[in-house]
């Protein structure tokens, strides 16, 4: 369960509804408050959500639909360049963070 990776989380912070140019209501939201991370430096928070998203996708056999909230959270606080670099590293097999399924390969003797 990806939420277990993140510990106790509170409700997502949300701004009041505002009207867009077309007159539609738009709700702006960001990540939930997490007391493990300071309000000034969100790097660890970003990294945790990014990894939790990929773990969730792995646990759902590549289906990212149930993991949408995790992706929304990391996308709202992670610098785009970081995510691009991490994605490139994941594709190249050089990502230094946790890689879902990596332990499964080692256990199988690969």
PDB file of N, CA and C in Angstrom:
ATOM      1  N   UNK A   1       0.849  -1.183   0.000  1.00  0.00           N
ATOM      2  CA  UNK A   1       0.000   0.000   0.000  1.00  0.00           C
ATOM      3  C   UNK A   1       0.888   1.237   0.000  1.00  0.00           C
ATOM      4  N   UNK A   2       0.795   2.080  -1.041  1.00  0.00           N
ATOM      5  CA  UNK A   2       1.687   3.232  -1.129  1.00  0.00           C
ATOM      6  C   UNK A   2       1.489   4.232  -0.010  1.00  0.00           C
ATOM      7  N   UNK A   3       0.294   4.323   0.538  1.00  0.00           N
ATOM      8  CA  UNK A   3       0.091   5.285   1.613  1.00  0.00           C
ATOM      9  C   UNK A   3       0.873   4.876   2.860  1.00  0.00           C
ATOM     10  N   UNK A   4       1.156   3.575   3.027  1.00  0.00           N
ATOM     11  CA  UNK A   4       1.936   3.147   4.176  1.00  0.00           C
ATOM     12  C   UNK A   4       3.385   3.615   4.060  1.00  0.00           C
ATOM     13  N   UNK A   5       3.847   3.873   2.850  1.00  0.00           N
ATOM     14  CA  UNK A   5       5.192   4.398   2.646  1.00  0.00           C
ATOM     15  C   UNK A   5       5.305   5.824   3.156  1.00  0.00           C
ATOM     16  N   UNK A   6       4.196   6.520   3.211  1.00  0.00           N
ATOM     17  CA  UNK A   6       4.218   7.935   3.529  1.00  0.00           C
ATOM     18  C   UNK A   6       3.852   8.242   4.958  1.00  0.00           C
ATOM     19  N   UNK A   7       3.455   7.261   5.717  1.00  0.00           N
ATOM     20  CA  UNK A   7       3.108   7.503   7.107  1.00  0.00           C
ATOM     21  C   UNK A   7       1.763   8.211   7.221  1.00  0.00           C
ATOM     22  N   UNK A   8       1.477   8.750   8.408  1.00  0.00           N
ATOM     23  CA  UNK A   8       0.186   9.399   8.617  1.00  0.00           C
ATOM     24  C   UNK A   8       0.125  10.725   7.874  1.00  0.00           C
ATOM     25  N   UNK A   9      -0.882  10.856   7.044  1.00  0.00           N
ATOM     26  CA  UNK A   9      -1.065  12.084   6.283  1.00  0.00           C
ATOM     27  C   UNK A   9      -2.393  12.720   6.664  1.00  0.00           C
ATOM     28  N   UNK A  10      -2.422  13.996   6.622  1.00  0.00           N
ATOM     29  CA  UNK A  10      -3.658  14.725   6.878  1.00  0.00           C
ATOM     30  C   UNK A  10      -4.325  14.998   5.546  1.00  0.00           C
ATOM     31  N   UNK A  11      -5.465  15.648   5.589  1.00  0.00           N
ATOM     32  CA  UNK A  11      -6.180  16.001   4.377  1.00  0.00           C
ATOM     33  C   UNK A  11      -5.333  16.917   3.509  1.00  0.00           C
ATOM     34  N   UNK A  12      -5.509  16.829   2.194  1.00  0.00           N
ATOM     35  CA  UNK A  12      -4.816  17.729   1.275  1.00  0.00           C
ATOM     36  C   UNK A  12      -5.231  19.153   1.555  1.00  0.00           C
ATOM     37  N   UNK A  13      -4.262  20.048   1.441  1.00  0.00           N
ATOM     38  CA  UNK A  13      -4.615  21.448   1.584  1.00  0.00           C
ATOM     39  C   UNK A  13      -5.207  21.918   0.265  1.00  0.00           C
ATOM     40  N   UNK A  14      -6.227  22.687   0.348  1.00  0.00           N
ATOM     41  CA  UNK A  14      -6.894  23.161  -0.857  1.00  0.00           C
ATOM     42  C   UNK A  14      -7.233  24.630  -0.696  1.00  0.00           C
ATOM     43  N   UNK A  15      -7.151  25.335  -1.797  1.00  0.00           N
ATOM     44  CA  UNK A  15      -7.539  26.737  -1.755  1.00  0.00           C
ATOM     45  C   UNK A  15      -9.028  26.826  -2.047  1.00  0.00           C
ATOM     46  N   UNK A  16      -9.637  27.936  -1.703  1.00  0.00           N
ATOM     47  CA  UNK A  16     -11.058  28.077  -2.007  1.00  0.00           C
ATOM     48  C   UNK A  16     -11.283  28.004  -3.511  1.00  0.00           C
ATOM     49  N   UNK A  17     -12.476  27.666  -3.874  1.00  0.00           N
ATOM     50  CA  UNK A  17     -12.821  27.595  -5.288  1.00  0.00           C
ATOM     51  C   UNK A  17     -12.702  28.984  -5.894  1.00  0.00           C
ATOM     52  N   UNK A  18     -12.169  29.059  -7.105  1.00  0.00           N
ATOM     53  CA  UNK A  18     -12.085  30.321  -7.822  1.00  0.00           C
ATOM     54  C   UNK A  18     -12.652  30.107  -9.213  1.00  0.00           C
ATOM     55  N   UNK A  19     -13.067  31.169  -9.850  1.00  0.00           N
ATOM     56  CA  UNK A  19     -13.641  31.048 -11.186  1.00  0.00           C
ATOM     57  C   UNK A  19     -12.568  31.234 -12.227  1.00  0.00           C
ATOM     58  N   UNK A  20     -12.547  30.362 -13.221  1.00  0.00           N
ATOM     59  CA  UNK A  20     -11.608  30.489 -14.317  1.00  0.00           C
ATOM     60  C   UNK A  20     -12.183  31.467 -15.334  1.00  0.00           C
ATOM     61  N   UNK A  21     -11.434  31.698 -16.403  1.00  0.00           N
ATOM     62  CA  UNK A  21     -11.888  32.636 -17.429  1.00  0.00           C
ATOM     63  C   UNK A  21     -13.199  32.192 -18.069  1.00  0.00           C
ATOM     64  N   UNK A  22     -13.432  30.900 -18.153  1.00  0.00           N
ATOM     65  CA  UNK A  22     -14.651  30.383 -18.779  1.00  0.00           C
ATOM     66  C   UNK A  22     -15.823  30.349 -17.801  1.00  0.00           C
ATOM     67  N   UNK A  23     -15.602  30.744 -16.556  1.00  0.00           N
ATOM     68  CA  UNK A  23     -16.663  30.724 -15.565  1.00  0.00           C
ATOM     69  C   UNK A  23     -16.783  29.397 -14.843  1.00  0.00           C
ATOM     70  N   UNK A  24     -15.868  28.452 -15.096  1.00  0.00           N
ATOM     71  CA  UNK A  24     -15.886  27.164 -14.423  1.00  0.00           C
ATOM     72  C   UNK A  24     -15.210  27.292 -13.069  1.00  0.00           C
ATOM     73  N   UNK A  25     -15.663  26.522 -12.113  1.00  0.00           N
ATOM     74  CA  UNK A  25     -15.040  26.504 -10.796  1.00  0.00           C
ATOM     75  C   UNK A  25     -13.771  25.660 -10.864  1.00  0.00           C
ATOM     76  N   UNK A  26     -12.674  26.187 -10.319  1.00  0.00           N
ATOM     77  CA  UNK A  26     -11.399  25.496 -10.307  1.00  0.00           C
ATOM     78  C   UNK A  26     -10.920  25.411  -8.868  1.00  0.00           C
ATOM     79  N   UNK A  27     -10.582  24.211  -8.424  1.00  0.00           N
ATOM     80  CA  UNK A  27     -10.059  24.030  -7.079  1.00  0.00           C
ATOM     81  C   UNK A  27      -8.571  23.722  -7.181  1.00  0.00           C
ATOM     82  N   UNK A  28      -7.758  24.568  -6.568  1.00  0.00           N
ATOM     83  CA  UNK A  28      -6.320  24.367  -6.568  1.00  0.00           C
ATOM     84  C   UNK A  28      -5.949  23.574  -5.331  1.00  0.00           C
ATOM     85  N   UNK A  29      -5.191  22.483  -5.528  1.00  0.00           N
ATOM     86  CA  UNK A  29      -4.827  21.611  -4.411  1.00  0.00           C
ATOM     87  C   UNK A  29      -3.345  21.318  -4.476  1.00  0.00           C
ATOM     88  N   UNK A  30      -2.782  20.998  -3.340  1.00  0.00           N
ATOM     89  CA  UNK A  30      -1.386  20.579  -3.266  1.00  0.00           C
ATOM     90  C   UNK A  30      -1.296  19.364  -2.352  1.00  0.00           C
ATOM     91  N   UNK A  31      -0.096  18.986  -1.990  1.00  0.00           N
ATOM     92  CA  UNK A  31       0.093  17.779  -1.191  1.00  0.00           C
ATOM     93  C   UNK A  31      -0.484  17.932   0.207  1.00  0.00           C
ATOM     94  N   UNK A  32      -0.793  16.810   0.839  1.00  0.00           N
ATOM     95  CA  UNK A  32      -1.275  16.869   2.215  1.00  0.00           C
ATOM     96  C   UNK A  32      -0.160  17.342   3.157  1.00  0.00           C
ATOM     97  N   UNK A  33      -0.540  17.855   4.287  1.00  0.00           N
ATOM     98  CA  UNK A  33       0.434  18.248   5.299  1.00  0.00           C
ATOM     99  C   UNK A  33       1.076  16.981   5.849  1.00  0.00           C
ATOM    100  N   UNK A  34       2.383  16.990   5.979  1.00  0.00           N
ATOM    101  CA  UNK A  34       3.107  15.854   6.540  1.00  0.00           C
ATOM    102  C   UNK A  34       4.123  16.415   7.519  1.00  0.00           C
ATOM    103  N   UNK A  35       3.913  16.154   8.793  1.00  0.00           N
ATOM    104  CA  UNK A  35       4.746  16.748   9.840  1.00  0.00           C
ATOM    105  C   UNK A  35       6.177  16.244   9.830  1.00  0.00           C
ATOM    106  N   UNK A  36       6.463  15.207   9.038  1.00  0.00           N
ATOM    107  CA  UNK A  36       7.839  14.723   8.951  1.00  0.00           C
ATOM    108  C   UNK A  36       8.725  15.665   8.151  1.00  0.00           C
ATOM    109  N   UNK A  37       8.112  16.546   7.362  1.00  0.00           N
ATOM    110  CA  UNK A  37       8.872  17.428   6.487  1.00  0.00           C
ATOM    111  C   UNK A  37       8.603  18.876   6.848  1.00  0.00           C
ATOM    112  N   UNK A  38       9.675  19.678   6.879  1.00  0.00           N
ATOM    113  CA  UNK A  38       9.505  21.094   7.203  1.00  0.00           C
ATOM    114  C   UNK A  38       8.756  21.795   6.077  1.00  0.00           C
ATOM    115  N   UNK A  39       8.214  22.944   6.383  1.00  0.00           N
ATOM    116  CA  UNK A  39       7.489  23.708   5.369  1.00  0.00           C
ATOM    117  C   UNK A  39       8.420  24.426   4.410  1.00  0.00           C
ATOM    118  N   UNK A  40       9.678  24.583   4.768  1.00  0.00           N
ATOM    119  CA  UNK A  40      10.582  25.362   3.932  1.00  0.00           C
ATOM    120  C   UNK A  40      11.293  24.529   2.873  1.00  0.00           C
ATOM    121  N   UNK A  41      11.642  23.302   3.164  1.00  0.00           N
ATOM    122  CA  UNK A  41      12.354  22.469   2.207  1.00  0.00           C
ATOM    123  C   UNK A  41      11.534  21.217   1.939  1.00  0.00           C
ATOM    124  N   UNK A  42      10.980  21.114   0.752  1.00  0.00           N
ATOM    125  CA  UNK A  42      10.098  20.004   0.411  1.00  0.00           C
ATOM    126  C   UNK A  42      10.794  18.915  -0.404  1.00  0.00           C
ATOM    127  N   UNK A  43      12.128  18.930  -0.450  1.00  0.00           N
ATOM    128  CA  UNK A  43      12.858  17.962  -1.276  1.00  0.00           C
ATOM    129  C   UNK A  43      12.565  16.519  -0.859  1.00  0.00           C
ATOM    130  N   UNK A  44      12.634  16.216   0.426  1.00  0.00           N
ATOM    131  CA  UNK A  44      12.363  14.837   0.880  1.00  0.00           C
ATOM    132  C   UNK A  44      10.904  14.462   0.631  1.00  0.00           C
ATOM    133  N   UNK A  45      10.005  15.417   0.828  1.00  0.00           N
ATOM    134  CA  UNK A  45       8.585  15.189   0.591  1.00  0.00           C
ATOM    135  C   UNK A  45       8.367  14.842  -0.886  1.00  0.00           C
ATOM    136  N   UNK A  46       8.968  15.615  -1.764  1.00  0.00           N
ATOM    137  CA  UNK A  46       8.892  15.395  -3.208  1.00  0.00           C
ATOM    138  C   UNK A  46       9.400  13.988  -3.552  1.00  0.00           C
ATOM    139  N   UNK A  47      10.582  13.666  -3.058  1.00  0.00           N
ATOM    140  CA  UNK A  47      11.228  12.384  -3.336  1.00  0.00           C
ATOM    141  C   UNK A  47      10.373  11.212  -2.835  1.00  0.00           C
ATOM    142  N   UNK A  48       9.792  11.359  -1.666  1.00  0.00           N
ATOM    143  CA  UNK A  48       8.944  10.293  -1.103  1.00  0.00           C
ATOM    144  C   UNK A  48       7.705  10.052  -1.953  1.00  0.00           C
ATOM    145  N   UNK A  49       7.047  11.127  -2.384  1.00  0.00           N
ATOM    146  CA  UNK A  49       5.861  10.964  -3.230  1.00  0.00           C
ATOM    147  C   UNK A  49       6.222  10.384  -4.592  1.00  0.00           C
ATOM    148  N   UNK A  50       7.339  10.822  -5.168  1.00  0.00           N
ATOM    149  CA  UNK A  50       7.775  10.291  -6.464  1.00  0.00           C
ATOM    150  C   UNK A  50       7.989   8.778  -6.367  1.00  0.00           C
ATOM    151  N   UNK A  51       8.701   8.343  -5.348  1.00  0.00           N
ATOM    152  CA  UNK A  51       8.962   6.910  -5.174  1.00  0.00           C
ATOM    153  C   UNK A  51       7.696   6.135  -4.826  1.00  0.00           C
ATOM    154  N   UNK A  52       6.823   6.718  -4.007  1.00  0.00           N
ATOM    155  CA  UNK A  52       5.567   6.050  -3.657  1.00  0.00           C
ATOM    156  C   UNK A  52       4.690   5.866  -4.895  1.00  0.00           C
ATOM    157  N   UNK A  53       4.692   6.858  -5.795  1.00  0.00           N
ATOM    158  CA  UNK A  53       3.920   6.733  -7.039  1.00  0.00           C
ATOM    159  C   UNK A  53       4.421   5.535  -7.847  1.00  0.00           C
ATOM    160  N   UNK A  54       5.729   5.432  -8.028  1.00  0.00           N
ATOM    161  CA  UNK A  54       6.265   4.329  -8.835  1.00  0.00           C
ATOM    162  C   UNK A  54       6.057   2.978  -8.157  1.00  0.00           C
ATOM    163  N   UNK A  55       6.097   2.931  -6.834  1.00  0.00           N
ATOM    164  CA  UNK A  55       5.794   1.694  -6.116  1.00  0.00           C
ATOM    165  C   UNK A  55       4.334   1.317  -6.334  1.00  0.00           C
ATOM    166  N   UNK A  56       3.455   2.303  -6.281  1.00  0.00           N
ATOM    167  CA  UNK A  56       2.027   2.065  -6.500  1.00  0.00           C
ATOM    168  C   UNK A  56       1.770   1.507  -7.901  1.00  0.00           C
ATOM    169  N   UNK A  57       2.402   2.104  -8.906  1.00  0.00           N
ATOM    170  CA  UNK A  57       2.240   1.628 -10.290  1.00  0.00           C
ATOM    171  C   UNK A  57       2.725   0.186 -10.395  1.00  0.00           C
ATOM    172  N   UNK A  58       3.852  -0.112  -9.772  1.00  0.00           N
ATOM    173  CA  UNK A  58       4.385  -1.477  -9.790  1.00  0.00           C
ATOM    174  C   UNK A  58       3.395  -2.448  -9.146  1.00  0.00           C
ATOM    175  N   UNK A  59       2.860  -2.064  -7.981  1.00  0.00           N
ATOM    176  CA  UNK A  59       1.925  -2.933  -7.262  1.00  0.00           C
ATOM    177  C   UNK A  59       0.607  -3.113  -8.000  1.00  0.00           C
ATOM    178  N   UNK A  60       0.306  -2.213  -8.948  1.00  0.00           N
ATOM    179  CA  UNK A  60      -0.917  -2.299  -9.731  1.00  0.00           C
ATOM    180  C   UNK A  60      -0.628  -2.754 -11.161  1.00  0.00           C
ATOM    181  N   UNK A  61       0.441  -3.520 -11.332  1.00  0.00           N
ATOM    182  CA  UNK A  61       0.819  -4.107 -12.629  1.00  0.00           C
ATOM    183  C   UNK A  61       0.877  -3.089 -13.758  1.00  0.00           C
ATOM    184  N   UNK A  62       1.446  -1.918 -13.473  1.00  0.00           N
ATOM    185  CA  UNK A  62       1.629  -0.904 -14.500  1.00  0.00           C
ATOM    186  C   UNK A  62       0.460   0.041 -14.679  1.00  0.00           C
ATOM    187  N   UNK A  63      -0.636  -0.212 -13.983  1.00  0.00           N
ATOM    188  CA  UNK A  63      -1.804   0.663 -14.080  1.00  0.00           C
ATOM    189  C   UNK A  63      -1.601   1.850 -13.137  1.00  0.00           C
ATOM    190  N   UNK A  64      -1.487   3.061 -13.704  1.00  0.00           N
ATOM    191  CA  UNK A  64      -1.232   4.226 -12.848  1.00  0.00           C
ATOM    192  C   UNK A  64      -2.506   4.931 -12.397  1.00  0.00           C
ATOM    193  N   UNK A  65      -3.663   4.464 -12.843  1.00  0.00           N
ATOM    194  CA  UNK A  65      -4.924   5.124 -12.479  1.00  0.00           C
ATOM    195  C   UNK A  65      -5.153   5.189 -10.965  1.00  0.00           C
ATOM    196  N   UNK A  66      -4.935   4.083 -10.207  1.00  0.00           N
ATOM    197  CA  UNK A  66      -5.162   4.173  -8.759  1.00  0.00           C
ATOM    198  C   UNK A  66      -4.096   5.016  -8.043  1.00  0.00           C
ATOM    199  N   UNK A  67      -3.068   5.418  -8.761  1.00  0.00           N
ATOM    200  CA  UNK A  67      -1.943   6.148  -8.165  1.00  0.00           C
ATOM    201  C   UNK A  67      -1.982   7.631  -8.505  1.00  0.00           C
ATOM    202  N   UNK A  68      -3.073   8.090  -9.088  1.00  0.00           N
ATOM    203  CA  UNK A  68      -3.176   9.463  -9.570  1.00  0.00           C
ATOM    204  C   UNK A  68      -2.870  10.498  -8.494  1.00  0.00           C
ATOM    205  N   UNK A  69      -3.393  10.293  -7.280  1.00  0.00           N
ATOM    206  CA  UNK A  69      -3.178  11.273  -6.211  1.00  0.00           C
ATOM    207  C   UNK A  69      -1.697  11.412  -5.882  1.00  0.00           C
ATOM    208  N   UNK A  70      -0.976  10.298  -5.841  1.00  0.00           N
ATOM    209  CA  UNK A  70       0.459  10.356  -5.564  1.00  0.00           C
ATOM    210  C   UNK A  70       1.195  11.133  -6.656  1.00  0.00           C
ATOM    211  N   UNK A  71       0.813  10.901  -7.905  1.00  0.00           N
ATOM    212  CA  UNK A  71       1.443  11.625  -9.011  1.00  0.00           C
ATOM    213  C   UNK A  71       1.126  13.114  -8.917  1.00  0.00           C
ATOM    214  N   UNK A  72      -0.110  13.433  -8.589  1.00  0.00           N
ATOM    215  CA  UNK A  72      -0.510  14.835  -8.457  1.00  0.00           C
ATOM    216  C   UNK A  72       0.292  15.499  -7.348  1.00  0.00           C
ATOM    217  N   UNK A  73       0.518  14.781  -6.263  1.00  0.00           N
ATOM    218  CA  UNK A  73       1.266  15.344  -5.142  1.00  0.00           C
ATOM    219  C   UNK A  73       2.714  15.624  -5.540  1.00  0.00           C
ATOM    220  N   UNK A  74       3.383  14.634  -6.143  1.00  0.00           N
ATOM    221  CA  UNK A  74       4.793  14.898  -6.476  1.00  0.00           C
ATOM    222  C   UNK A  74       4.907  15.940  -7.577  1.00  0.00           C
ATOM    223  N   UNK A  75       3.962  15.949  -8.513  1.00  0.00           N
ATOM    224  CA  UNK A  75       4.022  16.929  -9.601  1.00  0.00           C
ATOM    225  C   UNK A  75       3.811  18.352  -9.090  1.00  0.00           C
ATOM    226  N   UNK A  76       3.102  18.491  -7.970  1.00  0.00           N
ATOM    227  CA  UNK A  76       2.833  19.842  -7.461  1.00  0.00           C
ATOM    228  C   UNK A  76       3.999  20.418  -6.671  1.00  0.00           C
ATOM    229  N   UNK A  77       4.923  19.575  -6.173  1.00  0.00           N
ATOM    230  CA  UNK A  77       6.023  20.121  -5.372  1.00  0.00           C
ATOM    231  C   UNK A  77       7.409  19.836  -5.925  1.00  0.00           C
ATOM    232  N   UNK A  78       7.551  18.871  -6.822  1.00  0.00           N
ATOM    233  CA  UNK A  78       8.874  18.542  -7.362  1.00  0.00           C
ATOM    234  C   UNK A  78       9.216  19.462  -8.529  1.00  0.00           C
ATOM    235  N   UNK A  79      10.450  19.962  -8.561  1.00  0.00           N
ATOM    236  CA  UNK A  79      10.871  20.713  -9.744  1.00  0.00           C
ATOM    237  C   UNK A  79      10.804  19.812 -10.985  1.00  0.00           C
ATOM    238  N   UNK A  80      10.309  20.350 -12.066  1.00  0.00           N
ATOM    239  CA  UNK A  80      10.134  19.579 -13.294  1.00  0.00           C
ATOM    240  C   UNK A  80      11.444  18.942 -13.742  1.00  0.00           C
ATOM    241  N   UNK A  81      12.524  19.666 -13.618  1.00  0.00           N
ATOM    242  CA  UNK A  81      13.833  19.149 -14.041  1.00  0.00           C
ATOM    243  C   UNK A  81      14.226  17.910 -13.241  1.00  0.00           C
ATOM    244  N   UNK A  82      13.923  17.902 -11.947  1.00  0.00           N
ATOM    245  CA  UNK A  82      14.217  16.723 -11.131  1.00  0.00           C
ATOM    246  C   UNK A  82      13.469  15.511 -11.651  1.00  0.00           C
ATOM    247  N   UNK A  83      12.163  15.698 -11.894  1.00  0.00           N
ATOM    248  CA  UNK A  83      11.327  14.577 -12.357  1.00  0.00           C
ATOM    249  C   UNK A  83      11.830  14.077 -13.706  1.00  0.00           C
ATOM    250  N   UNK A  84      12.158  15.009 -14.605  1.00  0.00           N
ATOM    251  CA  UNK A  84      12.689  14.607 -15.913  1.00  0.00           C
ATOM    252  C   UNK A  84      13.979  13.808 -15.743  1.00  0.00           C
ATOM    253  N   UNK A  85      14.882  14.285 -14.880  1.00  0.00           N
ATOM    254  CA  UNK A  85      16.138  13.564 -14.640  1.00  0.00           C
ATOM    255  C   UNK A  85      15.885  12.192 -14.037  1.00  0.00           C
ATOM    256  N   UNK A  86      15.020  12.119 -13.043  1.00  0.00           N
ATOM    257  CA  UNK A  86      14.714  10.828 -12.416  1.00  0.00           C
ATOM    258  C   UNK A  86      14.100   9.859 -13.416  1.00  0.00           C
ATOM    259  N   UNK A  87      13.184  10.360 -14.257  1.00  0.00           N
ATOM    260  CA  UNK A  87      12.567   9.495 -15.267  1.00  0.00           C
ATOM    261  C   UNK A  87      13.619   8.984 -16.253  1.00  0.00           C
ATOM    262  N   UNK A  88      14.532   9.872 -16.671  1.00  0.00           N
ATOM    263  CA  UNK A  88      15.613   9.448 -17.576  1.00  0.00           C
ATOM    264  C   UNK A  88      16.491   8.394 -16.909  1.00  0.00           C
ATOM    265  N   UNK A  89      16.800   8.607 -15.627  1.00  0.00           N
ATOM    266  CA  UNK A  89      17.630   7.650 -14.897  1.00  0.00           C
ATOM    267  C   UNK A  89      16.914   6.312 -14.740  1.00  0.00           C
ATOM    268  N   UNK A  90      15.604   6.337 -14.501  1.00  0.00           N
ATOM    269  CA  UNK A  90      14.836   5.096 -14.364  1.00  0.00           C
ATOM    270  C   UNK A  90      14.885   4.309 -15.676  1.00  0.00           C
ATOM    271  N   UNK A  91      14.720   5.027 -16.805  1.00  0.00           N
ATOM    272  CA  UNK A  91      14.758   4.370 -18.118  1.00  0.00           C
ATOM    273  C   UNK A  91      16.132   3.781 -18.412  1.00  0.00           C
ATOM    274  N   UNK A  92      17.190   4.481 -17.973  1.00  0.00           N
ATOM    275  CA  UNK A  92      18.559   4.024 -18.226  1.00  0.00           C
ATOM    276  C   UNK A  92      19.022   2.979 -17.209  1.00  0.00           C
ATOM    277  N   UNK A  93      18.229   2.752 -16.155  1.00  0.00           N
ATOM    278  CA  UNK A  93      18.603   1.799 -15.124  1.00  0.00           C
ATOM    279  C   UNK A  93      19.646   2.334 -14.159  1.00  0.00           C
ATOM    280  N   UNK A  94      19.776   3.668 -14.079  1.00  0.00           N
ATOM    281  CA  UNK A  94      20.787   4.277 -13.208  1.00  0.00           C
ATOM    282  C   UNK A  94      20.176   5.062 -12.052  1.00  0.00           C
ATOM    283  N   UNK A  95      18.871   4.944 -11.847  1.00  0.00           N
ATOM    284  CA  UNK A  95      18.205   5.692 -10.775  1.00  0.00           C
ATOM    285  C   UNK A  95      18.720   5.193  -9.424  1.00  0.00           C
ATOM    286  N   UNK A  96      19.168   6.129  -8.594  1.00  0.00           N
ATOM    287  CA  UNK A  96      19.765   5.761  -7.311  1.00  0.00           C
ATOM    288  C   UNK A  96      18.737   5.464  -6.221  1.00  0.00           C
ATOM    289  N   UNK A  97      17.506   5.840  -6.440  1.00  0.00           N
ATOM    290  CA  UNK A  97      16.462   5.617  -5.444  1.00  0.00           C
ATOM    291  C   UNK A  97      15.918   4.201  -5.511  1.00  0.00           C
ATOM    292  N   UNK A  98      14.924   3.917  -4.670  1.00  0.00           N
ATOM    293  CA  UNK A  98      14.329   2.579  -4.685  1.00  0.00           C
ATOM    294  C   UNK A  98      13.631   2.298  -6.014  1.00  0.00           C
ATOM    295  N   UNK A  99      13.861   1.108  -6.543  1.00  0.00           N
ATOM    296  CA  UNK A  99      13.245   0.719  -7.811  1.00  0.00           C
ATOM    297  C   UNK A  99      12.296  -0.428  -7.522  1.00  0.00           C
ATOM    298  N   UNK A 100      10.979  -0.207  -7.708  1.00  0.00           N
ATOM    299  CA  UNK A 100      10.013  -1.280  -7.442  1.00  0.00           C
ATOM    300  C   UNK A 100      10.342  -2.531  -8.250  1.00  0.00           C
ATOM    301  N   UNK A 101      10.294  -3.669  -7.588  1.00  0.00           N
ATOM    302  CA  UNK A 101      10.553  -4.936  -8.244  1.00  0.00           C
ATOM    303  C   UNK A 101      12.011  -5.344  -8.256  1.00  0.00           C
ATOM    304  N   UNK A 102      12.910  -4.427  -7.906  1.00  0.00           N
ATOM    305  CA  UNK A 102      14.332  -4.745  -7.903  1.00  0.00           C
ATOM    306  C   UNK A 102      14.635  -5.882  -6.945  1.00  0.00           C
ATOM    307  N   UNK A 103      14.019  -5.861  -5.782  1.00  0.00           N
ATOM    308  CA  UNK A 103      14.198  -6.941  -4.807  1.00  0.00           C
ATOM    309  C   UNK A 103      13.668  -8.254  -5.322  1.00  0.00           C
ATOM    310  N   UNK A 104      12.595  -8.224  -6.137  1.00  0.00           N
ATOM    311  CA  UNK A 104      12.023  -9.439  -6.706  1.00  0.00           C
ATOM    312  C   UNK A 104      13.018 -10.106  -7.641  1.00  0.00           C
ATOM    313  N   UNK A 105      13.756  -9.305  -8.446  1.00  0.00           N
ATOM    314  CA  UNK A 105      14.731  -9.841  -9.387  1.00  0.00           C
ATOM    315  C   UNK A 105      15.889 -10.507  -8.638  1.00  0.00           C
ATOM    316  N   UNK A 106      16.359  -9.841  -7.568  1.00  0.00           N
ATOM    317  CA  UNK A 106      17.460 -10.395  -6.789  1.00  0.00           C
ATOM    318  C   UNK A 106      17.043 -11.696  -6.124  1.00  0.00           C
ATOM    319  N   UNK A 107      15.811 -11.753  -5.628  1.00  0.00           N
ATOM    320  CA  UNK A 107      15.309 -12.959  -4.966  1.00  0.00           C
ATOM    321  C   UNK A 107      15.178 -14.109  -5.963  1.00  0.00           C
ATOM    322  N   UNK A 108      14.900 -13.775  -7.227  1.00  0.00           N
ATOM    323  CA  UNK A 108      14.746 -14.802  -8.254  1.00  0.00           C
ATOM    324  C   UNK A 108      16.084 -15.232  -8.831  1.00  0.00           C
ATOM    325  N   UNK A 109      17.186 -14.552  -8.399  1.00  0.00           N
ATOM    326  CA  UNK A 109      18.507 -14.933  -8.873  1.00  0.00           C
ATOM    327  C   UNK A 109      18.901 -14.294 -10.176  1.00  0.00           C
ATOM    328  N   UNK A 110      18.297 -13.177 -10.553  1.00  0.00           N
ATOM    329  CA  UNK A 110      18.647 -12.494 -11.812  1.00  0.00           C
ATOM    330  C   UNK A 110      19.716 -11.477 -11.604  1.00  0.00           C
TER     331      UNK A 110
END
